Amino acid sequence: AGLGSVMSSTGVVAIFIPVAVSIAARIGSAPRRLMMPLAFAALMS
């Protein structure tokens, strides 16, 4: 949300998708539990 408030929210999501997928794998979480919060935060930005 912070980064998306001053630049393209679409671009921010494209950058953070691989980050979120990698983090989900490391902590044993499903990517789907982080992807939608990621999108919602970008829209709210």
All heavy atoms as atom14 arrays in JSON, in Angstrom:
{
  "sequence": "AGLGSVMSSTGVVAIFIPVAVSIAARIGSAPRRLMMPLAFAALMS",
  "atom14_mask": [
    [1, 1, 1, 1, 1, 0, 0, 0, 0, 0, 0, 0, 0, 0],
    [1, 1, 1, 1, 0, 0, 0, 0, 0, 0, 0, 0, 0, 0],
    [1, 1, 1, 1, 1, 1, 1, 1, 0, 0, 0, 0, 0, 0],
    [1, 1, 1, 1, 0, 0, 0, 0, 0, 0, 0, 0, 0, 0],
    [1, 1, 1, 1, 1, 1, 0, 0, 0, 0, 0, 0, 0, 0],
    [1, 1, 1, 1, 1, 1, 1, 0, 0, 0, 0, 0, 0, 0],
    [1, 1, 1, 1, 1, 1, 1, 1, 0, 0, 0, 0, 0, 0],
    [1, 1, 1, 1, 1, 1, 0, 0, 0, 0, 0, 0, 0, 0],
    [1, 1, 1, 1, 1, 1, 0, 0, 0, 0, 0, 0, 0, 0],
    [1, 1, 1, 1, 1, 1, 1, 0, 0, 0, 0, 0, 0, 0],
    [1, 1, 1, 1, 0, 0, 0, 0, 0, 0, 0, 0, 0, 0],
    [1, 1, 1, 1, 1, 1, 1, 0, 0, 0, 0, 0, 0, 0],
    [1, 1, 1, 1, 1, 1, 1, 0, 0, 0, 0, 0, 0, 0],
    [1, 1, 1, 1, 1, 0, 0, 0, 0, 0, 0, 0, 0, 0],
    [1, 1, 1, 1, 1, 1, 1, 1, 0, 0, 0, 0, 0, 0],
    [1, 1, 1, 1, 1, 1, 1, 1, 1, 1, 1, 0, 0, 0],
    [1, 1, 1, 1, 1, 1, 1, 1, 0, 0, 0, 0, 0, 0],
    [1, 1, 1, 1, 1, 1, 1, 0, 0, 0, 0, 0, 0, 0],
    [1, 1, 1, 1, 1, 1, 1, 0, 0, 0, 0, 0, 0, 0],
    [1, 1, 1, 1, 1, 0, 0, 0, 0, 0, 0, 0, 0, 0],
    [1, 1, 1, 1, 1, 1, 1, 0, 0, 0, 0, 0, 0, 0],
    [1, 1, 1, 1, 1, 1, 0, 0, 0, 0, 0, 0, 0, 0],
    [1, 1, 1, 1, 1, 1, 1, 1, 0, 0, 0, 0, 0, 0],
    [1, 1, 1, 1, 1, 0, 0, 0, 0, 0, 0, 0, 0, 0],
    [1, 1, 1, 1, 1, 0, 0, 0, 0, 0, 0, 0, 0, 0],
    [1, 1, 1, 1, 1, 1, 1, 1, 1, 1, 1, 0, 0, 0],
    [1, 1, 1, 1, 1, 1, 1, 1, 0, 0, 0, 0, 0, 0],
    [1, 1, 1, 1, 0, 0, 0, 0, 0, 0, 0, 0, 0, 0],
    [1, 1, 1, 1, 1, 1, 0, 0, 0, 0, 0, 0, 0, 0],
    [1, 1, 1, 1, 1, 0, 0, 0, 0, 0, 0, 0, 0, 0],
    [1, 1, 1, 1, 1, 1, 1, 0, 0, 0, 0, 0, 0, 0],
    [1, 1, 1, 1, 1, 1, 1, 1, 1, 1, 1, 0, 0, 0],
    [1, 1, 1, 1, 1, 1, 1, 1, 1, 1, 1, 0, 0, 0],
    [1, 1, 1, 1, 1, 1, 1, 1, 0, 0, 0, 0, 0, 0],
    [1, 1, 1, 1, 1, 1, 1, 1, 0, 0, 0, 0, 0, 0],
    [1, 1, 1, 1, 1, 1, 1, 1, 0, 0, 0, 0, 0, 0],
    [1, 1, 1, 1, 1, 1, 1, 0, 0, 0, 0, 0, 0, 0],
    [1, 1, 1, 1, 1, 1, 1, 1, 0, 0, 0, 0, 0, 0],
    [1, 1, 1, 1, 1, 0, 0, 0, 0, 0, 0, 0, 0, 0],
    [1, 1, 1, 1, 1, 1, 1, 1, 1, 1, 1, 0, 0, 0],
    [1, 1, 1, 1, 1, 0, 0, 0, 0, 0, 0, 0, 0, 0],
    [1, 1, 1, 1, 1, 0, 0, 0, 0, 0, 0, 0, 0, 0],
    [1, 1, 1, 1, 1, 1, 1, 1, 0, 0, 0, 0, 0, 0],
    [1, 1, 1, 1, 1, 1, 1, 1, 0, 0, 0, 0, 0, 0],
    [1, 1, 1, 1, 1, 1, 0, 0, 0, 0, 0, 0, 0, 0]
  ],
  "atom14_positions": [
    [[0.83, -1.21, 0.0], [0.0, 0.0, 0.0], [0.86, 1.26, 0.0], [0.56, 2.23, -0.71], [-0.93, 0.0, 1.21], [0.0, 0.0, 0.0], [0.0, 0.0, 0.0], [0.0, 0.0, 0.0], [0.0, 0.0, 0.0], [0.0, 0.0, 0.0], [0.0, 0.0, 0.0], [0.0, 0.0, 0.0], [0.0, 0.0, 0.0], [0.0, 0.0, 0.0]],
    [[1.93, 1.25, 0.77], [2.79, 2.43, 0.81], [3.45, 2.72, -0.52], [3.45, 3.86, -0.99], [0.0, 0.0, 0.0], [0.0, 0.0, 0.0], [0.0, 0.0, 0.0], [0.0, 0.0, 0.0], [0.0, 0.0, 0.0], [0.0, 0.0, 0.0], [0.0, 0.0, 0.0], [0.0, 0.0, 0.0], [0.0, 0.0, 0.0], [0.0, 0.0, 0.0]],
    [[4.01, 1.7, -1.15], [4.65, 1.9, -2.44], [3.63, 2.22, -3.53], [3.86, 3.07, -4.39], [5.45, 0.65, -2.82], [6.4, 0.76, -4.01], [7.4, 1.9, -3.83], [7.14, -0.55, -4.23], [0.0, 0.0, 0.0], [0.0, 0.0, 0.0], [0.0, 0.0, 0.0], [0.0, 0.0, 0.0], [0.0, 0.0, 0.0], [0.0, 0.0, 0.0]],
    [[2.48, 1.56, -3.49], [1.46, 1.78, -4.5], [0.8, 3.13, -4.42], [0.14, 3.56, -5.38], [0.0, 0.0, 0.0], [0.0, 0.0, 0.0], [0.0, 0.0, 0.0], [0.0, 0.0, 0.0], [0.0, 0.0, 0.0], [0.0, 0.0, 0.0], [0.0, 0.0, 0.0], [0.0, 0.0, 0.0], [0.0, 0.0, 0.0], [0.0, 0.0, 0.0]],
    [[0.97, 3.85, -3.31], [0.36, 5.17, -3.17], [1.06, 6.23, -4.02], [0.52, 7.31, -4.23], [0.35, 5.61, -1.71], [1.67, 5.83, -1.24], [0.0, 0.0, 0.0], [0.0, 0.0, 0.0], [0.0, 0.0, 0.0], [0.0, 0.0, 0.0], [0.0, 0.0, 0.0], [0.0, 0.0, 0.0], [0.0, 0.0, 0.0], [0.0, 0.0, 0.0]],
    [[2.27, 5.93, -4.48], [3.01, 6.9, -5.29], [3.45, 6.35, -6.64], [4.15, 7.02, -7.38], [4.25, 7.42, -4.52], [3.83, 8.27, -3.34], [5.14, 6.28, -4.06], [0.0, 0.0, 0.0], [0.0, 0.0, 0.0], [0.0, 0.0, 0.0], [0.0, 0.0, 0.0], [0.0, 0.0, 0.0], [0.0, 0.0, 0.0], [0.0, 0.0, 0.0]],
    [[3.08, 5.1, -6.95], [3.41, 4.55, -8.25], [2.33, 3.56, -8.66], [1.38, 3.33, -7.91], [4.78, 3.88, -8.25], [4.91, 2.68, -7.33], [6.51, 1.84, -7.48], [6.37, 1.1, -9.12], [0.0, 0.0, 0.0], [0.0, 0.0, 0.0], [0.0, 0.0, 0.0], [0.0, 0.0, 0.0], [0.0, 0.0, 0.0], [0.0, 0.0, 0.0]],
    [[2.46, 2.99, -9.82], [1.44, 2.1, -10.36], [1.19, 0.91, -9.44], [2.11, 0.14, -9.14], [1.87, 1.59, -11.74], [1.1, 0.49, -12.14], [0.0, 0.0, 0.0], [0.0, 0.0, 0.0], [0.0, 0.0, 0.0], [0.0, 0.0, 0.0], [0.0, 0.0, 0.0], [0.0, 0.0, 0.0], [0.0, 0.0, 0.0], [0.0, 0.0, 0.0]],
    [[-0.05, 0.75, -9.0], [-0.38, -0.39, -8.15], [-0.21, -1.7, -8.91], [0.17, -2.72, -8.33], [-1.82, -0.26, -7.62], [-2.73, -0.19, -8.69], [0.0, 0.0, 0.0], [0.0, 0.0, 0.0], [0.0, 0.0, 0.0], [0.0, 0.0, 0.0], [0.0, 0.0, 0.0], [0.0, 0.0, 0.0], [0.0, 0.0, 0.0], [0.0, 0.0, 0.0]],
    [[-0.47, -1.67, -10.2], [-0.28, -2.87, -11.03], [1.19, -3.27, -11.04], [1.54, -4.44, -10.91], [-0.77, -2.62, -12.46], [-2.14, -2.21, -12.42], [-0.66, -3.87, -13.3], [0.0, 0.0, 0.0], [0.0, 0.0, 0.0], [0.0, 0.0, 0.0], [0.0, 0.0, 0.0], [0.0, 0.0, 0.0], [0.0, 0.0, 0.0], [0.0, 0.0, 0.0]],
    [[2.06, -2.28, -11.2], [3.49, -2.56, -11.18], [3.96, -3.09, -9.84], [4.79, -4.01, -9.78], [0.0, 0.0, 0.0], [0.0, 0.0, 0.0], [0.0, 0.0, 0.0], [0.0, 0.0, 0.0], [0.0, 0.0, 0.0], [0.0, 0.0, 0.0], [0.0, 0.0, 0.0], [0.0, 0.0, 0.0], [0.0, 0.0, 0.0], [0.0, 0.0, 0.0]],
    [[3.43, -2.53, -8.76], [3.8, -3.0, -7.42], [3.42, -4.47, -7.24], [4.2, -5.27, -6.72], [3.13, -2.13, -6.34], [3.36, -2.71, -4.95], [3.65, -0.72, -6.4], [0.0, 0.0, 0.0], [0.0, 0.0, 0.0], [0.0, 0.0, 0.0], [0.0, 0.0, 0.0], [0.0, 0.0, 0.0], [0.0, 0.0, 0.0], [0.0, 0.0, 0.0]],
    [[2.22, -4.83, -7.68], [1.78, -6.23, -7.56], [2.68, -7.14, -8.39], [3.07, -8.22, -7.94], [0.31, -6.37, -8.0], [-0.08, -7.83, -8.1], [-0.58, -5.67, -6.99], [0.0, 0.0, 0.0], [0.0, 0.0, 0.0], [0.0, 0.0, 0.0], [0.0, 0.0, 0.0], [0.0, 0.0, 0.0], [0.0, 0.0, 0.0], [0.0, 0.0, 0.0]],
    [[3.02, -6.73, -9.62], [3.89, -7.54, -10.47], [5.25, -7.76, -9.79], [5.84, -8.84, -9.92], [4.08, -6.87, -11.82], [0.0, 0.0, 0.0], [0.0, 0.0, 0.0], [0.0, 0.0, 0.0], [0.0, 0.0, 0.0], [0.0, 0.0, 0.0], [0.0, 0.0, 0.0], [0.0, 0.0, 0.0], [0.0, 0.0, 0.0], [0.0, 0.0, 0.0]],
    [[5.73, -6.77, -9.05], [7.01, -6.9, -8.36], [6.89, -7.82, -7.14], [7.76, -8.65, -6.87], [7.52, -5.51, -7.93], [7.94, -4.69, -9.16], [8.69, -5.63, -6.95], [8.2, -3.23, -8.87], [0.0, 0.0, 0.0], [0.0, 0.0, 0.0], [0.0, 0.0, 0.0], [0.0, 0.0, 0.0], [0.0, 0.0, 0.0], [0.0, 0.0, 0.0]],
    [[5.78, -7.71, -6.4], [5.67, -8.42, -5.13], [5.12, -9.84, -5.27], [5.21, -10.61, -4.31], [4.79, -7.63, -4.16], [5.54, -6.64, -3.32], [5.81, -5.37, -3.81], [6.0, -6.98, -2.07], [6.51, -4.46, -3.06], [6.71, -6.07, -1.31], [6.97, -4.8, -1.79], [0.0, 0.0, 0.0], [0.0, 0.0, 0.0], [0.0, 0.0, 0.0]],
    [[4.57, -10.2, -6.41], [4.04, -11.56, -6.56], [5.13, -12.61, -6.31], [4.92, -13.54, -5.51], [3.37, -11.75, -7.93], [1.97, -11.13, -7.93], [3.26, -13.24, -8.29], [1.28, -11.17, -9.27], [0.0, 0.0, 0.0], [0.0, 0.0, 0.0], [0.0, 0.0, 0.0], [0.0, 0.0, 0.0], [0.0, 0.0, 0.0], [0.0, 0.0, 0.0]],
    [[6.31, -12.54, -6.98], [7.33, -13.56, -6.69], [7.81, -13.54, -5.26], [8.17, -14.58, -4.71], [8.46, -13.22, -7.68], [8.21, -11.81, -8.09], [6.74, -11.61, -8.03], [0.0, 0.0, 0.0], [0.0, 0.0, 0.0], [0.0, 0.0, 0.0], [0.0, 0.0, 0.0], [0.0, 0.0, 0.0], [0.0, 0.0, 0.0], [0.0, 0.0, 0.0]],
    [[7.82, -12.34, -4.64], [8.23, -12.25, -3.23], [7.24, -13.02, -2.35], [7.64, -13.83, -1.5], [8.29, -10.77, -2.78], [8.6, -10.67, -1.3], [9.34, -10.02, -3.58], [0.0, 0.0, 0.0], [0.0, 0.0, 0.0], [0.0, 0.0, 0.0], [0.0, 0.0, 0.0], [0.0, 0.0, 0.0], [0.0, 0.0, 0.0], [0.0, 0.0, 0.0]],
    [[5.95, -12.79, -2.57], [4.93, -13.45, -1.75], [4.92, -14.95, -1.96], [4.76, -15.72, -1.0], [3.55, -12.86, -2.06], [0.0, 0.0, 0.0], [0.0, 0.0, 0.0], [0.0, 0.0, 0.0], [0.0, 0.0, 0.0], [0.0, 0.0, 0.0], [0.0, 0.0, 0.0], [0.0, 0.0, 0.0], [0.0, 0.0, 0.0], [0.0, 0.0, 0.0]],
    [[5.11, -15.4, -3.2], [5.13, -16.84, -3.48], [6.31, -17.49, -2.77], [6.18, -18.57, -2.16], [5.2, -17.1, -5.0], [5.47, -18.57, -5.29], [3.91, -16.66, -5.67], [0.0, 0.0, 0.0], [0.0, 0.0, 0.0], [0.0, 0.0, 0.0], [0.0, 0.0, 0.0], [0.0, 0.0, 0.0], [0.0, 0.0, 0.0], [0.0, 0.0, 0.0]],
    [[7.47, -16.84, -2.82], [8.66, -17.38, -2.16], [8.48, -17.44, -0.65], [8.81, -18.44, -0.01], [9.87, -16.51, -2.51], [11.0, -16.9, -1.77], [0.0, 0.0, 0.0], [0.0, 0.0, 0.0], [0.0, 0.0, 0.0], [0.0, 0.0, 0.0], [0.0, 0.0, 0.0], [0.0, 0.0, 0.0], [0.0, 0.0, 0.0], [0.0, 0.0, 0.0]],
    [[7.91, -16.37, -0.07], [7.71, -16.34, 1.38], [6.72, -17.42, 1.8], [6.94, -18.11, 2.81], [7.19, -14.96, 1.81], [8.27, -13.89, 1.59], [6.76, -14.96, 3.26], [7.78, -12.49, 1.82], [0.0, 0.0, 0.0], [0.0, 0.0, 0.0], [0.0, 0.0, 0.0], [0.0, 0.0, 0.0], [0.0, 0.0, 0.0], [0.0, 0.0, 0.0]],
    [[5.66, -17.6, 1.03], [4.67, -18.62, 1.36], [5.3, -20.0, 1.41], [5.01, -20.81, 2.29], [3.52, -18.59, 0.35], [0.0, 0.0, 0.0], [0.0, 0.0, 0.0], [0.0, 0.0, 0.0], [0.0, 0.0, 0.0], [0.0, 0.0, 0.0], [0.0, 0.0, 0.0], [0.0, 0.0, 0.0], [0.0, 0.0, 0.0], [0.0, 0.0, 0.0]],
    [[6.2, -20.28, 0.45], [6.88, -21.58, 0.44], [7.76, -21.75, 1.66], [7.84, -22.83, 2.24], [7.71, -21.71, -0.84], [0.0, 0.0, 0.0], [0.0, 0.0, 0.0], [0.0, 0.0, 0.0], [0.0, 0.0, 0.0], [0.0, 0.0, 0.0], [0.0, 0.0, 0.0], [0.0, 0.0, 0.0], [0.0, 0.0, 0.0], [0.0, 0.0, 0.0]],
    [[8.41, -20.66, 2.09], [9.34, -20.76, 3.22], [8.63, -21.0, 4.55], [9.13, -21.74, 5.39], [10.18, -19.5, 3.3], [11.31, -19.46, 2.31], [12.28, -18.38, 2.71], [12.38, -17.4, 1.65], [13.02, -16.25, 1.77], [13.59, -15.94, 2.92], [13.09, -15.41, 0.78], [0.0, 0.0, 0.0], [0.0, 0.0, 0.0], [0.0, 0.0, 0.0]],
    [[7.5, -20.36, 4.73], [6.82, -20.5, 6.03], [5.76, -21.59, 6.0], [5.05, -21.79, 6.98], [6.19, -19.16, 6.46], [5.03, -18.77, 5.53], [7.23, -18.06, 6.53], [4.27, -17.55, 6.01], [0.0, 0.0, 0.0], [0.0, 0.0, 0.0], [0.0, 0.0, 0.0], [0.0, 0.0, 0.0], [0.0, 0.0, 0.0], [0.0, 0.0, 0.0]],
    [[5.66, -22.32, 4.86], [4.71, -23.42, 4.78], [3.27, -22.98, 4.64], [2.35, -23.69, 5.07], [0.0, 0.0, 0.0], [0.0, 0.0, 0.0], [0.0, 0.0, 0.0], [0.0, 0.0, 0.0], [0.0, 0.0, 0.0], [0.0, 0.0, 0.0], [0.0, 0.0, 0.0], [0.0, 0.0, 0.0], [0.0, 0.0, 0.0], [0.0, 0.0, 0.0]],
    [[3.05, -21.81, 4.05], [1.69, -21.3, 3.86], [1.29, -21.47, 2.41], [2.13, -21.64, 1.52], [1.62, -19.82, 4.26], [0.34, -19.3, 4.06], [0.0, 0.0, 0.0], [0.0, 0.0, 0.0], [0.0, 0.0, 0.0], [0.0, 0.0, 0.0], [0.0, 0.0, 0.0], [0.0, 0.0, 0.0], [0.0, 0.0, 0.0], [0.0, 0.0, 0.0]],
    [[-0.01, -21.44, 2.14], [-0.5, -21.51, 0.78], [-0.4, -20.13, 0.13], [-0.78, -19.13, 0.75], [-1.95, -21.99, 0.76], [0.0, 0.0, 0.0], [0.0, 0.0, 0.0], [0.0, 0.0, 0.0], [0.0, 0.0, 0.0], [0.0, 0.0, 0.0], [0.0, 0.0, 0.0], [0.0, 0.0, 0.0], [0.0, 0.0, 0.0], [0.0, 0.0, 0.0]],
    [[0.11, -20.02, -1.11], [0.18, -18.71, -1.77], [-1.15, -17.99, -1.84], [-1.21, -16.76, -1.78], [0.7, -19.07, -3.17], [1.44, -20.35, -3.0], [0.7, -21.09, -1.92], [0.0, 0.0, 0.0], [0.0, 0.0, 0.0], [0.0, 0.0, 0.0], [0.0, 0.0, 0.0], [0.0, 0.0, 0.0], [0.0, 0.0, 0.0], [0.0, 0.0, 0.0]],
    [[-2.26, -18.74, -1.94], [-3.57, -18.12, -2.05], [-3.94, -17.31, -0.8], [-4.8, -16.45, -0.85], [-4.64, -19.16, -2.37], [-4.81, -20.22, -1.3], [-5.74, -21.35, -1.77], [-7.12, -20.92, -1.88], [-7.78, -20.83, -3.02], [-7.18, -21.07, -4.16], [-9.05, -20.46, -3.03], [0.0, 0.0, 0.0], [0.0, 0.0, 0.0], [0.0, 0.0, 0.0]],
    [[-3.3, -17.6, 0.33], [-3.58, -16.85, 1.56], [-2.88, -15.49, 1.57], [-3.17, -14.65, 2.42], [-3.18, -17.67, 2.78], [-4.07, -18.87, 3.01], [-3.45, -19.83, 4.03], [-3.39, -19.27, 5.36], [-4.32, -19.46, 6.31], [-5.4, -20.16, 6.03], [-4.17, -18.94, 7.5], [0.0, 0.0, 0.0], [0.0, 0.0, 0.0], [0.0, 0.0, 0.0]],
    [[-1.94, -15.27, 0.65], [-1.23, -14.0, 0.57], [-1.54, -13.22, -0.71], [-1.43, -11.99, -0.74], [0.29, -14.24, 0.64], [0.83, -14.8, 1.95], [2.34, -15.02, 1.84], [0.52, -13.89, 3.13], [0.0, 0.0, 0.0], [0.0, 0.0, 0.0], [0.0, 0.0, 0.0], [0.0, 0.0, 0.0], [0.0, 0.0, 0.0], [0.0, 0.0, 0.0]],
    [[-1.91, -13.93, -1.78], [-2.12, -13.26, -3.06], [-3.29, -12.27, -3.02], [-3.19, -11.15, -3.52], [-2.36, -14.29, -4.17], [-1.14, -15.09, -4.58], [0.15, -14.08, -5.37], [1.33, -14.07, -4.06], [0.0, 0.0, 0.0], [0.0, 0.0, 0.0], [0.0, 0.0, 0.0], [0.0, 0.0, 0.0], [0.0, 0.0, 0.0], [0.0, 0.0, 0.0]],
    [[-4.42, -12.67, -2.44], [-5.57, -11.76, -2.42], [-5.34, -10.58, -1.47], [-5.67, -9.44, -1.83], [-6.85, -12.5, -2.08], [-8.1, -11.68, -2.44], [-9.67, -12.55, -2.28], [-9.53, -13.78, -3.58], [0.0, 0.0, 0.0], [0.0, 0.0, 0.0], [0.0, 0.0, 0.0], [0.0, 0.0, 0.0], [0.0, 0.0, 0.0], [0.0, 0.0, 0.0]],
    [[-4.76, -10.78, -0.29], [-4.38, -9.6, 0.51], [-3.43, -8.67, -0.25], [-3.53, -7.45, -0.12], [-3.69, -10.21, 1.73], [-4.33, -11.56, 1.88], [-4.57, -12.04, 0.48], [0.0, 0.0, 0.0], [0.0, 0.0, 0.0], [0.0, 0.0, 0.0], [0.0, 0.0, 0.0], [0.0, 0.0, 0.0], [0.0, 0.0, 0.0], [0.0, 0.0, 0.0]],
    [[-2.53, -9.24, -1.04], [-1.63, -8.43, -1.86], [-2.42, -7.57, -2.84], [-2.17, -6.36, -2.98], [-0.67, -9.37, -2.6], [0.27, -8.76, -3.65], [1.23, -7.79, -2.99], [1.04, -9.86, -4.37], [0.0, 0.0, 0.0], [0.0, 0.0, 0.0], [0.0, 0.0, 0.0], [0.0, 0.0, 0.0], [0.0, 0.0, 0.0], [0.0, 0.0, 0.0]],
    [[-3.39, -8.17, -3.53], [-4.19, -7.43, -4.5], [-5.05, -6.36, -3.81], [-5.15, -5.22, -4.28], [-5.08, -8.4, -5.28], [0.0, 0.0, 0.0], [0.0, 0.0, 0.0], [0.0, 0.0, 0.0], [0.0, 0.0, 0.0], [0.0, 0.0, 0.0], [0.0, 0.0, 0.0], [0.0, 0.0, 0.0], [0.0, 0.0, 0.0], [0.0, 0.0, 0.0]],
    [[-5.68, -6.73, -2.69], [-6.52, -5.77, -1.98], [-5.69, -4.57, -1.5], [-6.14, -3.42, -1.58], [-7.2, -6.45, -0.79], [-8.46, -7.19, -1.16], [-8.57, -7.84, -2.37], [-9.52, -7.26, -0.29], [-9.73, -8.53, -2.72], [-10.69, -7.95, -0.61], [-10.79, -8.58, -1.83], [0.0, 0.0, 0.0], [0.0, 0.0, 0.0], [0.0, 0.0, 0.0]],
    [[-4.48, -4.83, -0.99], [-3.62, -3.74, -0.54], [-3.25, -2.82, -1.69], [-3.19, -1.6, -1.54], [-2.36, -4.3, 0.12], [0.0, 0.0, 0.0], [0.0, 0.0, 0.0], [0.0, 0.0, 0.0], [0.0, 0.0, 0.0], [0.0, 0.0, 0.0], [0.0, 0.0, 0.0], [0.0, 0.0, 0.0], [0.0, 0.0, 0.0], [0.0, 0.0, 0.0]],
    [[-2.99, -3.4, -2.86], [-2.65, -2.59, -4.03], [-3.83, -1.71, -4.44], [-3.65, -0.55, -4.81], [-2.23, -3.49, -5.19], [0.0, 0.0, 0.0], [0.0, 0.0, 0.0], [0.0, 0.0, 0.0], [0.0, 0.0, 0.0], [0.0, 0.0, 0.0], [0.0, 0.0, 0.0], [0.0, 0.0, 0.0], [0.0, 0.0, 0.0], [0.0, 0.0, 0.0]],
    [[-5.05, -2.26, -4.39], [-6.23, -1.46, -4.73], [-6.43, -0.34, -3.7], [-6.78, 0.79, -4.06], [-7.46, -2.36, -4.78], [-7.51, -3.35, -5.95], [-8.66, -4.33, -5.78], [-7.65, -2.61, -7.28], [0.0, 0.0, 0.0], [0.0, 0.0, 0.0], [0.0, 0.0, 0.0], [0.0, 0.0, 0.0], [0.0, 0.0, 0.0], [0.0, 0.0, 0.0]],
    [[-6.21, -0.65, -2.44], [-6.37, 0.38, -1.4], [-5.28, 1.43, -1.47], [-5.47, 2.56, -1.0], [-6.4, -0.28, -0.02], [-7.69, -1.04, 0.26], [-7.75, -1.76, 1.93], [-6.75, -3.23, 1.72], [0.0, 0.0, 0.0], [0.0, 0.0, 0.0], [0.0, 0.0, 0.0], [0.0, 0.0, 0.0], [0.0, 0.0, 0.0], [0.0, 0.0, 0.0]],
    [[-4.13, 1.1, -2.07], [-3.06, 2.09, -2.18], [-3.5, 3.29, -3.01], [-3.05, 4.41, -2.79], [-1.81, 1.45, -2.81], [-2.01, 1.18, -4.2], [0.0, 0.0, 0.0], [0.0, 0.0, 0.0], [0.0, 0.0, 0.0], [0.0, 0.0, 0.0], [0.0, 0.0, 0.0], [0.0, 0.0, 0.0], [0.0, 0.0, 0.0], [0.0, 0.0, 0.0]]
  ]
}
